[in-house]
Amino acid sequence: GADADRRRCAEAARQVFRRTREDWLRGLTG
Protein backbone atom coordinates (compact mmCIF):
# COMPACT_ATOMS: atom_id res chain seq x y z
CA GLY A 1 0.00 0.00 0.00
CA ALA A 2 0.91 3.66 0.00
CA ASP A 3 0.81 4.57 3.71
CA ALA A 4 3.49 7.24 4.18
CA ASP A 5 4.11 6.42 7.86
CA ARG A 6 4.73 2.73 7.18
CA ARG A 7 7.07 3.62 4.33
CA ARG A 8 8.91 6.15 6.50
CA CYS A 9 9.36 3.61 9.28
CA ALA A 10 10.64 0.90 6.92
CA GLU A 11 13.06 3.34 5.33
CA ALA A 12 14.16 4.50 8.78
CA ALA A 13 15.48 1.01 9.61
CA ARG A 14 17.48 0.95 6.37
CA GLN A 15 18.84 4.47 6.83
CA VAL A 16 19.77 3.84 10.47
CA PHE A 17 21.63 0.72 9.29
CA ARG A 18 23.40 2.70 6.54
CA ARG A 19 24.40 5.53 8.86
CA THR A 20 25.53 3.16 11.60
CA ARG A 21 27.61 1.20 9.08
CA GLU A 22 29.27 4.49 8.13
CA ASP A 23 30.03 5.04 11.83
CA TRP A 24 31.62 1.57 11.87
CA LEU A 25 33.79 2.51 8.89
CA ARG A 26 35.05 5.45 10.99
CA GLY A 27 36.23 2.98 13.66
CA LEU A 28 33.54 2.92 16.37
CA THR A 29 33.27 -0.01 18.77
CA GLY A 30 30.24 -2.27 18.70
PDB file of all heavy atoms in Angstrom:
ATOM      1  N   GLY A   1       0.824  -1.196   0.000  1.00  0.00           N
ATOM      2  CA  GLY A   1       0.000   0.000   0.000  1.00  0.00           C
ATOM      3  C   GLY A   1       0.863   1.254   0.000  1.00  0.00           C
ATOM      4  O   GLY A   1       2.087   1.193  -0.121  1.00  0.00           O
ATOM      5  N   ALA A   2       0.219   2.387   0.154  1.00  0.00           N
ATOM      6  CA  ALA A   2       0.914   3.665  -0.001  1.00  0.00           C
ATOM      7  C   ALA A   2       1.000   4.467   1.289  1.00  0.00           C
ATOM      8  O   ALA A   2       1.279   5.656   1.250  1.00  0.00           O
ATOM      9  CB  ALA A   2       0.195   4.495  -1.072  1.00  0.00           C
ATOM     10  N   ASP A   3       0.785   3.840   2.446  1.00  0.00           N
ATOM     11  CA  ASP A   3       0.805   4.571   3.712  1.00  0.00           C
ATOM     12  C   ASP A   3       2.182   5.194   3.954  1.00  0.00           C
ATOM     13  O   ASP A   3       3.192   4.496   4.050  1.00  0.00           O
ATOM     14  CB  ASP A   3       0.437   3.641   4.866  1.00  0.00           C
ATOM     15  CG  ASP A   3       0.372   4.392   6.175  1.00  0.00           C
ATOM     16  OD1 ASP A   3      -0.677   4.993   6.453  1.00  0.00           O
ATOM     17  OD2 ASP A   3       1.391   4.393   6.910  1.00  0.00           O
ATOM     18  N   ALA A   4       2.222   6.508   4.052  1.00  0.00           N
ATOM     19  CA  ALA A   4       3.492   7.241   4.185  1.00  0.00           C
ATOM     20  C   ALA A   4       4.202   6.913   5.495  1.00  0.00           C
ATOM     21  O   ALA A   4       5.439   6.842   5.530  1.00  0.00           O
ATOM     22  CB  ALA A   4       3.239   8.740   4.074  1.00  0.00           C
ATOM     23  N   ASP A   5       3.467   6.717   6.574  1.00  0.00           N
ATOM     24  CA  ASP A   5       4.113   6.419   7.855  1.00  0.00           C
ATOM     25  C   ASP A   5       4.775   5.039   7.853  1.00  0.00           C
ATOM     26  O   ASP A   5       5.880   4.881   8.375  1.00  0.00           O
ATOM     27  CB  ASP A   5       3.105   6.517   9.007  1.00  0.00           C
ATOM     28  CG  ASP A   5       2.728   7.958   9.300  1.00  0.00           C
ATOM     29  OD1 ASP A   5       3.636   8.816   9.321  1.00  0.00           O
ATOM     30  OD2 ASP A   5       1.535   8.225   9.508  1.00  0.00           O
ATOM     31  N   ARG A   6       4.121   4.063   7.269  1.00  0.00           N
ATOM     32  CA  ARG A   6       4.726   2.732   7.179  1.00  0.00           C
ATOM     33  C   ARG A   6       5.986   2.785   6.310  1.00  0.00           C
ATOM     34  O   ARG A   6       7.011   2.189   6.643  1.00  0.00           O
ATOM     35  CB  ARG A   6       3.727   1.731   6.624  1.00  0.00           C
ATOM     36  CG  ARG A   6       2.628   1.371   7.608  1.00  0.00           C
ATOM     37  CD  ARG A   6       1.713   0.287   7.016  1.00  0.00           C
ATOM     38  NE  ARG A   6       0.654  -0.037   7.931  1.00  0.00           N
ATOM     39  CZ  ARG A   6      -0.573   0.503   7.891  1.00  0.00           C
ATOM     40  NH1 ARG A   6      -0.879   1.388   6.962  1.00  0.00           N
ATOM     41  NH2 ARG A   6      -1.483   0.153   8.768  1.00  0.00           N
ATOM     42  N   ARG A   7       5.906   3.492   5.216  1.00  0.00           N
ATOM     43  CA  ARG A   7       7.066   3.624   4.326  1.00  0.00           C
ATOM     44  C   ARG A   7       8.217   4.358   5.031  1.00  0.00           C
ATOM     45  O   ARG A   7       9.371   3.974   4.903  1.00  0.00           O
ATOM     46  CB  ARG A   7       6.677   4.338   3.034  1.00  0.00           C
ATOM     47  CG  ARG A   7       5.761   3.485   2.174  1.00  0.00           C
ATOM     48  CD  ARG A   7       5.627   4.000   0.767  1.00  0.00           C
ATOM     49  NE  ARG A   7       4.796   3.115  -0.010  1.00  0.00           N
ATOM     50  CZ  ARG A   7       5.188   1.950  -0.514  1.00  0.00           C
ATOM     51  NH1 ARG A   7       6.409   1.540  -0.319  1.00  0.00           N
ATOM     52  NH2 ARG A   7       4.353   1.184  -1.197  1.00  0.00           N
ATOM     53  N   ARG A   8       7.894   5.400   5.764  1.00  0.00           N
ATOM     54  CA  ARG A   8       8.914   6.148   6.502  1.00  0.00           C
ATOM     55  C   ARG A   8       9.583   5.251   7.538  1.00  0.00           C
ATOM     56  O   ARG A   8      10.811   5.255   7.678  1.00  0.00           O
ATOM     57  CB  ARG A   8       8.294   7.367   7.186  1.00  0.00           C
ATOM     58  CG  ARG A   8       9.279   8.118   8.092  1.00  0.00           C
ATOM     59  CD  ARG A   8       8.591   9.180   8.949  1.00  0.00           C
ATOM     60  NE  ARG A   8       7.379   8.750   9.618  1.00  0.00           N
ATOM     61  CZ  ARG A   8       7.360   8.048  10.750  1.00  0.00           C
ATOM     62  NH1 ARG A   8       8.471   7.671  11.333  1.00  0.00           N
ATOM     63  NH2 ARG A   8       6.199   7.719  11.291  1.00  0.00           N
ATOM     64  N   CYS A   9       8.808   4.472   8.252  1.00  0.00           N
ATOM     65  CA  CYS A   9       9.359   3.608   9.284  1.00  0.00           C
ATOM     66  C   CYS A   9      10.261   2.532   8.675  1.00  0.00           C
ATOM     67  O   CYS A   9      11.360   2.271   9.175  1.00  0.00           O
ATOM     68  CB  CYS A   9       8.224   2.982  10.098  1.00  0.00           C
ATOM     69  SG  CYS A   9       8.777   2.188  11.612  1.00  0.00           S
ATOM     70  N   ALA A  10       9.820   1.910   7.587  1.00  0.00           N
ATOM     71  CA  ALA A  10      10.640   0.895   6.922  1.00  0.00           C
ATOM     72  C   ALA A  10      11.943   1.499   6.420  1.00  0.00           C
ATOM     73  O   ALA A  10      13.023   0.921   6.585  1.00  0.00           O
ATOM     74  CB  ALA A  10       9.863   0.259   5.763  1.00  0.00           C
ATOM     75  N   GLU A  11      11.858   2.681   5.822  1.00  0.00           N
ATOM     76  CA  GLU A  11      13.057   3.345   5.329  1.00  0.00           C
ATOM     77  C   GLU A  11      13.952   3.785   6.476  1.00  0.00           C
ATOM     78  O   GLU A  11      15.179   3.791   6.351  1.00  0.00           O
ATOM     79  CB  GLU A  11      12.682   4.534   4.436  1.00  0.00           C
ATOM     80  CG  GLU A  11      13.852   5.175   3.745  1.00  0.00           C
ATOM     81  CD  GLU A  11      14.642   4.236   2.835  1.00  0.00           C
ATOM     82  OE1 GLU A  11      14.113   3.203   2.367  1.00  0.00           O
ATOM     83  OE2 GLU A  11      15.826   4.540   2.586  1.00  0.00           O
ATOM     84  N   ALA A  12      13.363   4.120   7.613  1.00  0.00           N
ATOM     85  CA  ALA A  12      14.156   4.504   8.785  1.00  0.00           C
ATOM     86  C   ALA A  12      15.103   3.381   9.187  1.00  0.00           C
ATOM     87  O   ALA A  12      16.285   3.626   9.463  1.00  0.00           O
ATOM     88  CB  ALA A  12      13.239   4.876   9.946  1.00  0.00           C
ATOM     89  N   ALA A  13      14.610   2.140   9.221  1.00  0.00           N
ATOM     90  CA  ALA A  13      15.479   1.013   9.613  1.00  0.00           C
ATOM     91  C   ALA A  13      16.653   0.893   8.648  1.00  0.00           C
ATOM     92  O   ALA A  13      17.803   0.686   9.076  1.00  0.00           O
ATOM     93  CB  ALA A  13      14.682  -0.283   9.656  1.00  0.00           C
ATOM     94  N   ARG A  14      16.397   1.048   7.363  1.00  0.00           N
ATOM     95  CA  ARG A  14      17.477   0.946   6.365  1.00  0.00           C
ATOM     96  C   ARG A  14      18.472   2.101   6.494  1.00  0.00           C
ATOM     97  O   ARG A  14      19.685   1.908   6.379  1.00  0.00           O
ATOM     98  CB  ARG A  14      16.890   0.920   4.957  1.00  0.00           C
ATOM     99  CG  ARG A  14      16.108  -0.335   4.667  1.00  0.00           C
ATOM    100  CD  ARG A  14      15.574  -0.349   3.229  1.00  0.00           C
ATOM    101  NE  ARG A  14      14.537  -1.335   3.131  1.00  0.00           N
ATOM    102  CZ  ARG A  14      13.229  -1.048   3.070  1.00  0.00           C
ATOM    103  NH1 ARG A  14      12.816   0.210   3.026  1.00  0.00           N
ATOM    104  NH2 ARG A  14      12.341  -2.014   3.011  1.00  0.00           N
ATOM    105  N   GLN A  15      17.955   3.308   6.721  1.00  0.00           N
ATOM    106  CA  GLN A  15      18.836   4.474   6.831  1.00  0.00           C
ATOM    107  C   GLN A  15      19.639   4.440   8.131  1.00  0.00           C
ATOM    108  O   GLN A  15      20.818   4.834   8.144  1.00  0.00           O
ATOM    109  CB  GLN A  15      18.036   5.771   6.721  1.00  0.00           C
ATOM    110  CG  GLN A  15      17.484   6.020   5.343  1.00  0.00           C
ATOM    111  CD  GLN A  15      18.570   6.050   4.282  1.00  0.00           C
ATOM    112  OE1 GLN A  15      19.647   6.617   4.464  1.00  0.00           O
ATOM    113  NE2 GLN A  15      18.306   5.404   3.149  1.00  0.00           N
ATOM    114  N   VAL A  16      19.024   3.983   9.216  1.00  0.00           N
ATOM    115  CA  VAL A  16      19.768   3.844  10.472  1.00  0.00           C
ATOM    116  C   VAL A  16      20.875   2.810  10.287  1.00  0.00           C
ATOM    117  O   VAL A  16      22.008   3.014  10.733  1.00  0.00           O
ATOM    118  CB  VAL A  16      18.835   3.489  11.649  1.00  0.00           C
ATOM    119  CG1 VAL A  16      19.636   3.129  12.901  1.00  0.00           C
ATOM    120  CG2 VAL A  16      17.881   4.649  11.930  1.00  0.00           C
ATOM    121  N   PHE A  17      20.589   1.704   9.592  1.00  0.00           N
ATOM    122  CA  PHE A  17      21.631   0.716   9.287  1.00  0.00           C
ATOM    123  C   PHE A  17      22.752   1.372   8.483  1.00  0.00           C
ATOM    124  O   PHE A  17      23.933   1.246   8.822  1.00  0.00           O
ATOM    125  CB  PHE A  17      21.051  -0.467   8.498  1.00  0.00           C
ATOM    126  CG  PHE A  17      22.093  -1.468   8.098  1.00  0.00           C
ATOM    127  CD1 PHE A  17      22.367  -2.557   8.898  1.00  0.00           C
ATOM    128  CD2 PHE A  17      22.832  -1.306   6.930  1.00  0.00           C
ATOM    129  CE1 PHE A  17      23.350  -3.470   8.549  1.00  0.00           C
ATOM    130  CE2 PHE A  17      23.818  -2.202   6.577  1.00  0.00           C
ATOM    131  CZ  PHE A  17      24.075  -3.291   7.385  1.00  0.00           C
ATOM    132  N   ARG A  18      22.391   2.075   7.413  1.00  0.00           N
ATOM    133  CA  ARG A  18      23.397   2.696   6.538  1.00  0.00           C
ATOM    134  C   ARG A  18      24.277   3.671   7.315  1.00  0.00           C
ATOM    135  O   ARG A  18      25.504   3.636   7.219  1.00  0.00           O
ATOM    136  CB  ARG A  18      22.699   3.415   5.378  1.00  0.00           C
ATOM    137  CG  ARG A  18      23.666   4.071   4.379  1.00  0.00           C
ATOM    138  CD  ARG A  18      22.951   4.967   3.373  1.00  0.00           C
ATOM    139  NE  ARG A  18      22.206   6.054   3.981  1.00  0.00           N
ATOM    140  CZ  ARG A  18      22.750   7.174   4.467  1.00  0.00           C
ATOM    141  NH1 ARG A  18      24.047   7.352   4.431  1.00  0.00           N
ATOM    142  NH2 ARG A  18      21.989   8.119   4.996  1.00  0.00           N
ATOM    143  N   ARG A  19      23.652   4.535   8.100  1.00  0.00           N
ATOM    144  CA  ARG A  19      24.404   5.533   8.857  1.00  0.00           C
ATOM    145  C   ARG A  19      25.273   4.891   9.934  1.00  0.00           C
ATOM    146  O   ARG A  19      26.403   5.334  10.168  1.00  0.00           O
ATOM    147  CB  ARG A  19      23.449   6.564   9.457  1.00  0.00           C
ATOM    148  CG  ARG A  19      22.792   7.434   8.378  1.00  0.00           C
ATOM    149  CD  ARG A  19      21.716   8.330   8.932  1.00  0.00           C
ATOM    150  NE  ARG A  19      22.294   9.374   9.788  1.00  0.00           N
ATOM    151  CZ  ARG A  19      21.546  10.227  10.473  1.00  0.00           C
ATOM    152  NH1 ARG A  19      20.211  10.174  10.410  1.00  0.00           N
ATOM    153  NH2 ARG A  19      22.117  11.145  11.225  1.00  0.00           N
ATOM    154  N   THR A  20      24.755   3.843  10.560  1.00  0.00           N
ATOM    155  CA  THR A  20      25.533   3.157  11.599  1.00  0.00           C
ATOM    156  C   THR A  20      26.697   2.409  10.977  1.00  0.00           C
ATOM    157  O   THR A  20      27.793   2.356  11.547  1.00  0.00           O
ATOM    158  CB  THR A  20      24.615   2.214  12.407  1.00  0.00           C
ATOM    159  OG1 THR A  20      23.508   2.984  12.933  1.00  0.00           O
ATOM    160  CG2 THR A  20      25.366   1.565  13.562  1.00  0.00           C
ATOM    161  N   ARG A  21      26.497   1.827   9.800  1.00  0.00           N
ATOM    162  CA  ARG A  21      27.608   1.196   9.075  1.00  0.00           C
ATOM    163  C   ARG A  21      28.685   2.228   8.770  1.00  0.00           C
ATOM    164  O   ARG A  21      29.883   1.958   8.898  1.00  0.00           O
ATOM    165  CB  ARG A  21      27.121   0.550   7.784  1.00  0.00           C
ATOM    166  CG  ARG A  21      28.248  -0.096   6.993  1.00  0.00           C
ATOM    167  CD  ARG A  21      27.764  -0.666   5.647  1.00  0.00           C
ATOM    168  NE  ARG A  21      28.910  -0.938   4.818  1.00  0.00           N
ATOM    169  CZ  ARG A  21      29.479  -0.061   3.994  1.00  0.00           C
ATOM    170  NH1 ARG A  21      28.980   1.163   3.879  1.00  0.00           N
ATOM    171  NH2 ARG A  21      30.529  -0.399   3.279  1.00  0.00           N
ATOM    172  N   GLU A  22      28.290   3.433   8.373  1.00  0.00           N
ATOM    173  CA  GLU A  22      29.266   4.495   8.129  1.00  0.00           C
ATOM    174  C   GLU A  22      30.036   4.833   9.407  1.00  0.00           C
ATOM    175  O   GLU A  22      31.244   5.093   9.357  1.00  0.00           O
ATOM    176  CB  GLU A  22      28.569   5.733   7.560  1.00  0.00           C
ATOM    177  CG  GLU A  22      28.078   5.538   6.136  1.00  0.00           C
ATOM    178  CD  GLU A  22      27.185   6.660   5.636  1.00  0.00           C
ATOM    179  OE1 GLU A  22      26.936   7.649   6.386  1.00  0.00           O
ATOM    180  OE2 GLU A  22      26.714   6.562   4.485  1.00  0.00           O
ATOM    181  N   ASP A  23      29.346   4.825  10.549  1.00  0.00           N
ATOM    182  CA  ASP A  23      30.026   5.039  11.831  1.00  0.00           C
ATOM    183  C   ASP A  23      31.051   3.928  12.084  1.00  0.00           C
ATOM    184  O   ASP A  23      32.148   4.188  12.584  1.00  0.00           O
ATOM    185  CB  ASP A  23      29.012   5.075  12.979  1.00  0.00           C
ATOM    186  CG  ASP A  23      28.081   6.275  12.909  1.00  0.00           C
ATOM    187  OD1 ASP A  23      28.495   7.344  12.421  1.00  0.00           O
ATOM    188  OD2 ASP A  23      26.919   6.139  13.354  1.00  0.00           O
ATOM    189  N   TRP A  24      30.698   2.698  11.732  1.00  0.00           N
ATOM    190  CA  TRP A  24      31.625   1.568  11.873  1.00  0.00           C
ATOM    191  C   TRP A  24      32.868   1.775  11.003  1.00  0.00           C
ATOM    192  O   TRP A  24      33.992   1.522  11.437  1.00  0.00           O
ATOM    193  CB  TRP A  24      30.908   0.264  11.512  1.00  0.00           C
ATOM    194  CG  TRP A  24      31.800  -0.915  11.353  1.00  0.00           C
ATOM    195  CD1 TRP A  24      32.493  -1.574  12.341  1.00  0.00           C
ATOM    196  CD2 TRP A  24      32.102  -1.599  10.134  1.00  0.00           C
ATOM    197  NE1 TRP A  24      33.198  -2.615  11.801  1.00  0.00           N
ATOM    198  CE2 TRP A  24      32.974  -2.646  10.449  1.00  0.00           C
ATOM    199  CE3 TRP A  24      31.721  -1.425   8.805  1.00  0.00           C
ATOM    200  CZ2 TRP A  24      33.473  -3.526   9.480  1.00  0.00           C
ATOM    201  CZ3 TRP A  24      32.208  -2.283   7.855  1.00  0.00           C
ATOM    202  CH2 TRP A  24      33.070  -3.318   8.190  1.00  0.00           C
ATOM    203  N   LEU A  25      32.658   2.255   9.788  1.00  0.00           N
ATOM    204  CA  LEU A  25      33.791   2.512   8.891  1.00  0.00           C
ATOM    205  C   LEU A  25      34.737   3.568   9.461  1.00  0.00           C
ATOM    206  O   LEU A  25      35.923   3.579   9.133  1.00  0.00           O
ATOM    207  CB  LEU A  25      33.299   2.941   7.510  1.00  0.00           C
ATOM    208  CG  LEU A  25      32.627   1.853   6.679  1.00  0.00           C
ATOM    209  CD1 LEU A  25      31.961   2.447   5.438  1.00  0.00           C
ATOM    210  CD2 LEU A  25      33.617   0.762   6.302  1.00  0.00           C
ATOM    211  N   ARG A  26      34.220   4.428  10.340  1.00  0.00           N
ATOM    212  CA  ARG A  26      35.053   5.447  10.993  1.00  0.00           C
ATOM    213  C   ARG A  26      35.736   4.895  12.241  1.00  0.00           C
ATOM    214  O   ARG A  26      36.445   5.629  12.925  1.00  0.00           O
ATOM    215  CB  ARG A  26      34.205   6.669  11.331  1.00  0.00           C
ATOM    216  CG  ARG A  26      33.847   7.493  10.109  1.00  0.00           C
ATOM    217  CD  ARG A  26      33.242   8.837  10.463  1.00  0.00           C
ATOM    218  NE  ARG A  26      31.825   8.784  10.769  1.00  0.00           N
ATOM    219  CZ  ARG A  26      30.861   8.725   9.866  1.00  0.00           C
ATOM    220  NH1 ARG A  26      31.146   8.667   8.583  1.00  0.00           N
ATOM    221  NH2 ARG A  26      29.598   8.696  10.226  1.00  0.00           N
ATOM    222  N   GLY A  27      35.479   3.609  12.577  1.00  0.00           N
ATOM    223  CA  GLY A  27      36.227   2.976  13.662  1.00  0.00           C
ATOM    224  C   GLY A  27      35.552   2.917  15.018  1.00  0.00           C
ATOM    225  O   GLY A  27      36.221   2.734  16.029  1.00  0.00           O
ATOM    226  N   LEU A  28      34.221   3.011  15.073  1.00  0.00           N
ATOM    227  CA  LEU A  28      33.545   2.921  16.365  1.00  0.00           C
ATOM    228  C   LEU A  28      33.461   1.474  16.856  1.00  0.00           C
ATOM    229  O   LEU A  28      33.381   0.543  16.055  1.00  0.00           O
ATOM    230  CB  LEU A  28      32.128   3.501  16.269  1.00  0.00           C
ATOM    231  CG  LEU A  28      32.022   5.003  16.559  1.00  0.00           C
ATOM    232  CD1 LEU A  28      32.534   5.781  15.376  1.00  0.00           C
ATOM    233  CD2 LEU A  28      30.602   5.374  16.870  1.00  0.00           C
ATOM    234  N   THR A  29      33.449   1.314  18.157  1.00  0.00           N
ATOM    235  CA  THR A  29      33.273  -0.006  18.765  1.00  0.00           C
ATOM    236  C   THR A  29      31.839  -0.471  18.564  1.00  0.00           C
ATOM    237  O   THR A  29      30.949   0.332  18.241  1.00  0.00           O
ATOM    238  CB  THR A  29      33.555   0.030  20.280  1.00  0.00           C
ATOM    239  OG1 THR A  29      32.536   0.825  20.913  1.00  0.00           O
ATOM    240  CG2 THR A  29      34.942   0.579  20.586  1.00  0.00           C
ATOM    241  N   GLY A  30      31.599  -1.747  18.817  1.00  0.00           N
ATOM    242  CA  GLY A  30      30.239  -2.273  18.700  1.00  0.00           C
ATOM    243  C   GLY A  30      29.276  -1.562  19.624  1.00  0.00           C
ATOM    244  O   GLY A  30      28.155  -1.213  19.232  1.00  0.00           O
TER     245      GLY A  30
END
